[in-house]
Protein backbone atom coordinates (compact mmCIF):
# COMPACT_ATOMS: atom_id res chain seq x y z
CA MET A 1 4.44 -43.58 -37.67
CA GLU A 2 4.78 -44.10 -40.92
CA TYR A 3 2.41 -44.13 -43.70
CA LYS A 4 4.21 -45.48 -46.70
CA ASP A 5 1.84 -47.36 -48.80
CA LYS A 6 -0.70 -45.66 -50.00
CA VAL A 7 -4.48 -46.96 -49.57
CA SER A 8 -7.34 -45.81 -52.41
CA VAL A 9 -10.49 -46.03 -50.54
CA VAL A 10 -13.20 -45.70 -53.33
CA LEU A 11 -16.70 -44.49 -52.66
CA PRO A 12 -19.46 -45.53 -54.80
CA ILE A 13 -22.08 -42.31 -54.30
CA TYR A 14 -25.58 -42.40 -55.31
CA ASN A 15 -28.15 -40.64 -53.91
CA VAL A 16 -27.12 -40.82 -50.47
CA GLU A 17 -27.22 -36.70 -49.74
CA LYS A 18 -28.27 -37.94 -46.10
CA TYR A 19 -25.51 -40.24 -45.54
CA LEU A 20 -22.46 -39.12 -47.62
CA LYS A 21 -20.58 -36.92 -45.24
CA LYS A 22 -20.43 -38.26 -42.47
CA SER A 23 -19.49 -41.80 -44.61
CA VAL A 24 -16.81 -39.64 -46.15
CA GLN A 25 -15.52 -38.36 -42.56
CA SER A 26 -15.11 -41.64 -41.28
CA VAL A 27 -12.56 -42.13 -43.56
CA GLN A 28 -10.97 -38.22 -43.86
CA ASN A 29 -10.62 -39.85 -39.47
CA GLN A 30 -8.52 -42.96 -40.48
CA THR A 31 -5.28 -43.47 -38.60
CA TYR A 32 -3.46 -44.06 -40.97
CA ARG A 33 -2.86 -40.75 -43.05
CA ASN A 34 -1.65 -41.81 -46.73
CA LEU A 35 -4.88 -42.13 -48.17
CA GLU A 36 -6.50 -41.56 -51.68
CA ILE A 37 -10.43 -40.90 -51.12
CA ILE A 38 -11.83 -41.76 -54.68
CA LEU A 39 -15.81 -40.53 -54.47
CA VAL A 40 -17.24 -41.79 -57.91
CA ASP A 41 -20.91 -39.62 -58.23
CA ASP A 42 -23.24 -42.29 -60.36
CA GLY A 43 -25.17 -40.11 -61.63
CA SER A 44 -27.14 -38.83 -58.47
CA LYS A 45 -30.11 -36.34 -59.35
CA ASP A 46 -29.50 -34.90 -55.69
CA SER A 47 -27.19 -33.22 -54.16
CA SER A 48 -24.32 -35.72 -53.90
CA GLY A 49 -22.19 -34.86 -56.58
CA ARG A 50 -22.26 -31.18 -55.30
CA ILE A 51 -20.96 -32.36 -51.81
CA CYS A 52 -18.92 -34.59 -53.11
CA ASP A 53 -16.81 -31.43 -55.13
CA GLU A 54 -17.45 -29.35 -51.70
CA LEU A 55 -15.54 -32.11 -49.59
CA SER A 56 -12.79 -32.16 -52.55
CA LYS A 57 -11.84 -28.40 -51.78
CA GLU A 58 -11.48 -29.37 -48.46
CA ASP A 59 -9.12 -32.34 -48.19
CA SER A 60 -6.33 -32.35 -50.91
CA ARG A 61 -7.02 -36.25 -50.69
CA ILE A 62 -9.96 -36.65 -52.26
CA GLN A 63 -10.52 -36.71 -56.13
CA VAL A 64 -14.34 -37.10 -57.34
CA VAL A 65 -15.27 -38.60 -60.43
CA HIS A 66 -18.87 -37.88 -62.24
CA LYS A 67 -20.06 -40.07 -64.30
CA ASN A 68 -23.41 -41.41 -65.84
CA ASN A 69 -25.42 -43.60 -63.82
CA GLY A 70 -24.21 -47.22 -64.39
CA GLY A 71 -25.00 -49.34 -60.62
CA LEU A 72 -22.97 -50.04 -58.18
CA ALA A 73 -20.46 -52.37 -60.17
CA SER A 74 -20.01 -49.68 -62.82
CA ALA A 75 -18.95 -46.98 -60.14
CA ARG A 76 -16.14 -49.05 -58.25
CA ASN A 77 -14.50 -50.17 -61.65
CA SER A 78 -14.54 -46.21 -62.53
CA GLY A 79 -12.65 -45.43 -58.83
CA TYR A 80 -10.58 -48.76 -59.50
CA GLU A 81 -9.14 -47.28 -62.97
CA VAL A 82 -8.23 -44.16 -61.57
CA ALA A 83 -6.84 -45.57 -58.30
CA THR A 84 -2.83 -45.23 -57.66
CA GLY A 85 -2.44 -46.64 -54.38
CA GLU A 86 -0.53 -49.68 -52.97
CA TYR A 87 -3.91 -51.27 -51.90
CA VAL A 88 -7.51 -50.87 -52.42
CA MET A 89 -10.63 -50.81 -50.01
CA TYR A 90 -14.39 -50.08 -51.23
CA ILE A 91 -17.08 -48.21 -49.16
CA ASP A 92 -20.07 -47.81 -49.32
CA SER A 93 -21.07 -44.61 -48.93
CA ASP A 94 -24.00 -44.47 -46.58
CA ASP A 95 -21.55 -46.65 -44.39
CA CYS A 96 -18.92 -45.71 -42.14
CA VAL A 97 -15.49 -47.43 -41.30
CA LYS A 98 -14.00 -47.19 -37.58
CA GLU A 99 -10.75 -45.18 -37.41
CA ASP A 100 -8.61 -47.71 -37.16
CA THR A 101 -9.69 -50.03 -40.02
CA VAL A 102 -7.16 -49.16 -42.49
CA LYS A 103 -4.50 -48.92 -40.17
CA LYS A 104 -5.24 -52.25 -38.91
CA CYS A 105 -5.20 -54.00 -42.52
CA VAL A 106 -2.30 -52.43 -43.42
CA ASP A 107 -0.58 -54.25 -40.77
CA ALA A 108 -1.89 -57.20 -41.43
CA ILE A 109 -1.76 -57.40 -45.23
CA GLU A 110 2.08 -56.16 -44.75
CA ARG A 111 3.36 -58.53 -41.82
CA ASP A 112 1.63 -61.91 -43.64
CA LYS A 113 2.36 -60.68 -47.32
CA SER A 114 -1.12 -61.34 -48.11
CA ASP A 115 -3.36 -60.88 -51.05
CA VAL A 116 -6.87 -59.95 -49.20
CA VAL A 117 -7.50 -59.13 -45.70
CA ILE A 118 -11.17 -59.68 -44.53
CA PHE A 119 -12.32 -57.77 -41.53
CA GLY A 120 -15.92 -58.51 -39.15
CA TYR A 121 -18.31 -55.67 -39.74
CA GLU A 122 -21.87 -54.53 -37.64
CA LYS A 123 -25.46 -54.04 -38.68
CA VAL A 124 -26.64 -50.51 -37.50
CA SER A 125 -29.88 -49.12 -37.70
CA GLU A 126 -30.67 -45.79 -38.65
CA ASP A 127 -31.17 -44.46 -34.89
CA GLY A 128 -27.57 -46.11 -34.32
CA ASN A 129 -28.34 -49.32 -32.85
CA ILE A 130 -26.36 -52.54 -33.19
CA LEU A 131 -28.90 -54.82 -34.78
CA GLU A 132 -25.79 -57.44 -35.55
CA VAL A 133 -21.72 -58.20 -35.31
CA CYS A 134 -19.73 -60.68 -37.59
CA SER A 135 -16.74 -60.90 -36.76
CA TRP A 136 -14.08 -64.25 -37.04
CA ASP A 137 -10.88 -65.47 -35.29
CA ASN A 138 -7.58 -64.52 -36.58
CA LYS A 139 -6.39 -66.93 -39.25
CA ILE A 140 -4.68 -66.79 -42.47
CA TYR A 141 -5.44 -69.24 -45.51
CA SER A 142 -3.61 -70.41 -48.36
CA HIS A 143 -5.57 -70.78 -51.51
CA ASN A 144 -6.20 -74.15 -51.14
CA GLU A 145 -7.48 -73.79 -47.54
CA MET A 146 -9.71 -70.64 -49.12
CA THR A 147 -10.81 -72.97 -51.61
CA GLU A 148 -11.51 -75.72 -49.43
CA HIS A 149 -13.42 -72.69 -46.75
CA LEU A 150 -14.96 -71.28 -49.42
CA TYR A 151 -18.78 -72.80 -48.49
CA ARG A 152 -18.41 -71.58 -45.18
CA ALA A 153 -16.89 -68.34 -45.68
CA ILE A 154 -20.16 -67.77 -47.75
CA CYS A 155 -22.71 -68.84 -44.86
CA GLU A 156 -20.79 -66.59 -42.00
CA MET A 157 -21.08 -63.75 -44.55
CA SER A 158 -17.13 -62.66 -44.60
CA PHE A 159 -16.75 -63.61 -48.07
CA GLY A 160 -19.35 -62.26 -50.44
CA TYR A 161 -18.66 -58.37 -50.13
CA ALA A 162 -16.18 -56.07 -51.15
CA TRP A 163 -16.37 -53.55 -48.26
CA ASN A 164 -15.23 -55.71 -45.80
CA LYS A 165 -11.90 -56.06 -47.11
CA LEU A 166 -8.09 -54.48 -48.07
CA TYR A 167 -7.58 -55.67 -51.49
CA ARG A 168 -3.43 -55.82 -53.07
CA LYS A 169 -4.03 -54.05 -55.93
CA SER A 170 -1.45 -55.42 -57.84
CA ILE A 171 -3.37 -58.74 -57.84
CA LEU A 172 -6.50 -56.74 -58.91
CA ASP A 173 -4.73 -55.60 -61.56
CA LYS A 174 -2.57 -58.94 -62.55
CA SER A 175 -6.08 -60.44 -62.78
CA GLY A 176 -8.04 -58.09 -65.01
CA VAL A 177 -11.48 -58.74 -63.07
CA LEU A 178 -13.60 -56.03 -62.75
CA GLY A 179 -17.24 -55.58 -61.28
CA ASP A 180 -20.10 -56.97 -63.46
CA ALA A 181 -22.49 -54.46 -64.01
CA LYS A 182 -25.09 -56.82 -65.42
CA VAL A 183 -25.28 -58.39 -62.21
CA ILE A 184 -28.30 -56.93 -60.40
CA ASP A 185 -27.69 -58.73 -57.15
CA ARG A 186 -24.97 -60.08 -55.00
CA GLU A 187 -22.58 -58.28 -57.37
CA ASP A 188 -19.61 -58.93 -55.00
CA LEU A 189 -19.99 -62.21 -54.31
CA ILE A 190 -19.33 -62.83 -58.19
CA TYR A 191 -16.46 -60.42 -57.88
CA ASN A 192 -14.72 -62.14 -54.61
CA MET A 193 -15.81 -65.72 -56.51
CA GLU A 194 -13.44 -64.63 -59.60
CA LEU A 195 -10.41 -63.07 -57.68
CA LEU A 196 -10.07 -66.44 -55.30
CA LYS A 197 -8.14 -67.74 -58.06
CA TYR A 198 -5.46 -65.24 -58.02
CA TRP A 199 -5.32 -65.08 -54.77
CA ASN A 200 -2.48 -67.38 -52.59
CA LYS A 201 -3.05 -65.83 -48.93
CA ILE A 202 -5.61 -64.82 -47.30
CA THR A 203 -5.75 -62.78 -43.84
CA TYR A 204 -8.49 -62.93 -41.63
CA ILE A 205 -8.34 -60.05 -38.65
CA ASP A 206 -10.55 -60.30 -35.39
CA TYR A 207 -11.92 -57.02 -35.71
CA VAL A 208 -15.00 -55.04 -36.28
CA GLY A 209 -14.04 -52.40 -38.22
CA TYR A 210 -17.03 -51.32 -40.69
CA GLU A 211 -20.78 -50.06 -39.95
CA TYR A 212 -22.84 -51.36 -42.41
CA LEU A 213 -26.04 -48.74 -42.33
CA GLN A 214 -29.27 -50.92 -42.53
CA ARG A 215 -31.89 -48.29 -44.02
CA SER A 216 -35.71 -48.82 -44.01
CA THR A 217 -35.64 -48.23 -47.69
CA SER A 218 -33.65 -51.34 -48.07
CA LEU A 219 -35.89 -53.24 -46.03
CA LEU A 220 -39.29 -54.90 -46.26
CA HIS A 221 -41.11 -52.39 -48.60
CA ASN A 222 -38.56 -52.39 -51.49
CA SER A 223 -40.09 -55.36 -53.56
CA ASN A 224 -38.54 -54.72 -57.36
CA LEU A 225 -39.87 -56.93 -60.27
CA ALA A 226 -37.49 -55.90 -62.36
CA ARG A 227 -34.58 -57.92 -60.01
CA LEU A 228 -36.11 -60.76 -61.42
CA ASN A 229 -34.72 -60.53 -64.50
CA GLY A 230 -31.16 -60.75 -63.70
CA VAL A 231 -32.06 -64.33 -62.84
CA GLU A 232 -30.65 -66.41 -65.49
CA TYR A 233 -27.67 -64.71 -65.90
CA PHE A 234 -26.38 -64.80 -62.25
CA VAL A 235 -27.10 -68.31 -62.14
CA GLU A 236 -24.78 -68.85 -65.28
CA ARG A 237 -22.25 -66.67 -63.75
CA VAL A 238 -21.90 -68.70 -60.41
CA HIS A 239 -22.06 -71.65 -62.46
CA ASP A 240 -19.14 -71.15 -64.69
CA ILE A 241 -16.56 -69.82 -61.96
CA ASP A 242 -14.66 -72.33 -60.89
CA VAL A 243 -14.26 -72.88 -57.65
CA GLY A 244 -12.64 -76.07 -57.43
CA GLU A 245 -13.79 -79.07 -55.52
CA ALA A 246 -16.01 -77.05 -53.51
CA GLN A 247 -17.75 -75.96 -56.84
CA GLY A 248 -21.25 -78.19 -56.84
CA LYS A 249 -21.37 -77.46 -52.89
CA VAL A 250 -20.89 -73.93 -53.62
CA PHE A 251 -23.11 -73.10 -56.72
CA ASN A 252 -26.10 -75.31 -55.04
CA MET A 253 -25.89 -73.15 -51.92
CA VAL A 254 -25.66 -69.65 -53.64
CA VAL A 255 -28.24 -70.15 -56.32
CA LEU A 256 -31.07 -71.31 -54.04
CA HIS A 257 -30.17 -68.72 -51.40
CA TYR A 258 -30.44 -66.13 -54.54
CA LEU A 259 -33.72 -67.69 -56.20
CA ALA A 260 -35.13 -67.82 -52.41
CA ASP A 261 -34.22 -64.14 -51.75
CA ALA A 262 -35.26 -63.17 -55.05
CA ILE A 263 -38.69 -64.86 -54.35
CA ILE A 264 -39.73 -63.76 -51.12
CA LYS A 265 -38.27 -60.36 -50.97
CA ASN A 266 -39.43 -59.45 -54.48
CA ILE A 267 -42.93 -61.27 -55.26
CA ILE A 268 -43.79 -62.85 -51.86
CA TRP A 269 -43.65 -59.43 -49.93
CA ASN A 270 -44.76 -57.59 -52.84
CA ALA A 271 -48.04 -55.89 -51.70
CA GLU A 272 -48.59 -54.98 -55.16
CA LEU A 273 -49.59 -58.91 -56.01
CA ASN A 274 -51.90 -61.12 -55.17
CA ALA A 275 -51.34 -64.87 -54.27
CA LYS A 276 -52.45 -66.21 -57.88
CA GLU A 277 -50.02 -63.85 -59.43
CA LYS A 278 -47.17 -64.35 -56.77
CA LYS A 279 -47.78 -68.20 -57.31
CA GLN A 280 -47.23 -67.54 -61.36
CA LEU A 281 -44.30 -65.26 -60.87
CA ILE A 282 -42.67 -68.03 -58.45
CA LYS A 283 -43.41 -70.55 -61.23
CA GLU A 284 -42.18 -68.75 -63.86
CA THR A 285 -39.07 -67.46 -61.89
CA ILE A 286 -37.94 -71.06 -61.60
CA ASP A 287 -38.35 -72.26 -64.77
CA ARG A 288 -35.65 -69.78 -66.35
CA CYS A 289 -33.28 -70.83 -63.94
CA PRO A 290 -30.88 -72.48 -65.85
CA ASN A 291 -28.94 -75.27 -64.65
CA LYS A 292 -31.18 -76.30 -62.26
CA GLY A 293 -30.93 -79.88 -62.81
CA GLU A 294 -27.88 -79.66 -60.50
CA LEU A 295 -29.08 -78.54 -57.43
CA TYR A 296 -29.90 -81.12 -54.59
CA SER A 297 -30.70 -81.12 -51.24
CA ASP A 298 -27.59 -80.37 -48.80
CA ARG A 299 -28.09 -81.34 -45.42
CA ASP A 300 -25.47 -78.24 -44.65
CA ASN A 301 -27.81 -75.74 -46.10
CA GLY A 302 -30.93 -73.87 -43.63
CA LYS A 303 -34.18 -75.27 -43.55
CA TYR A 304 -35.50 -72.77 -46.28
CA LEU A 305 -33.04 -73.66 -48.83
CA ARG A 306 -34.51 -77.03 -48.13
CA GLU A 307 -37.90 -76.53 -48.42
CA LEU A 308 -37.31 -74.45 -51.88
CA TYR A 309 -35.74 -77.62 -53.17
CA LYS A 310 -38.14 -79.59 -52.39
CA SER A 311 -41.05 -77.58 -54.00
CA ILE A 312 -38.36 -77.10 -56.72
CA GLU A 313 -37.85 -80.58 -57.32
CA LYS A 314 -41.20 -81.60 -57.27
CA GLY A 315 -42.59 -78.86 -59.39
CA ASN A 316 -44.85 -77.30 -56.93
CA MET A 317 -44.18 -73.90 -55.83
CA LYS A 318 -47.19 -73.38 -53.83
CA TYR A 319 -45.40 -75.14 -51.07
CA PHE A 320 -42.71 -73.00 -50.64
CA TYR A 321 -45.26 -69.83 -51.01
CA LEU A 322 -47.08 -71.37 -48.58
CA TYR A 323 -43.88 -72.60 -46.45
CA VAL A 324 -42.58 -68.83 -46.23
CA LYS A 325 -45.77 -67.09 -46.11
CA LEU A 326 -46.36 -69.27 -42.51
CA GLY A 327 -43.29 -68.05 -41.29
CA ASP A 328 -44.37 -64.31 -41.70
CA ILE A 329 -47.19 -65.45 -39.75
CA LYS A 330 -45.09 -66.67 -37.19
CA ARG A 331 -42.75 -64.02 -36.98
CA LYS A 332 -45.28 -61.37 -36.82
CA MET A 333 -46.98 -63.40 -33.64
CA PHE A 334 -43.64 -63.18 -31.64
CA LYS A 335 -43.07 -59.34 -32.41
CA LYS A 336 -46.96 -58.97 -30.54
């Protein structure tokens, strides 16, 4: 088998000593052998940096970048800047890839002469149980077709990640688009929305090639009020990215989803706040949201997004708070 074109696989790394070796080994074991494996240690405080150095001594394809902590986007940018491959793939360092993932993607991108390949993934628990599988049919989109499909692609969870894609590096170079380190959450969505204008052809492949680890530390109890500080910036960034005729519909859905997610995870589920504090924080978060006058009720959005919009429109965040709390009670009852 000929492996003519090099693929640069970038892994941003921060305090993942427990998962790192397994993740890197899943890349090393790819059936497509012409790889450049770039490990970016983003100022880890555990032994991750040392593990990276040890792995690089065992495999000449591995190079290590040590940097001060700057976040996920900053680490990916550092890896991209030293990448020399024809194609680039980003993998989170607590996740794994199936052994044929790179080969399947390279075959598709070269066959179709596309600018990016999008593949499926599965979410797995720490004990190895498959929690969810996300996959799509084989399909090729032109730029205009993908723009028309963008709302659905974001909803079906295929578009908003960097780790389920193979990017043509010449397009990344031409675009000048980098990950925005100032975006606290959903930086991948911003990244791909900005790149979309440079993609002339997009290939979806019917292949589940990625294992996304759903870590217990990333779930319910990981509330963080600091994440609310990024609301204004995120909304402005989404508002300013031109995605054609779908602009208003995409902005509405993305912003409502972002606000709902931020409010639920960081306020409503925050055990350190009482009910009065939660309601006040929800109001302050919505009040700080720019361009909220462009939001509207869309029947294509999920019910909880429509309920959030209703609360914003009426200026009554107590309603949304009670709606989410009722949903939590129902979930707990069904679990018993």
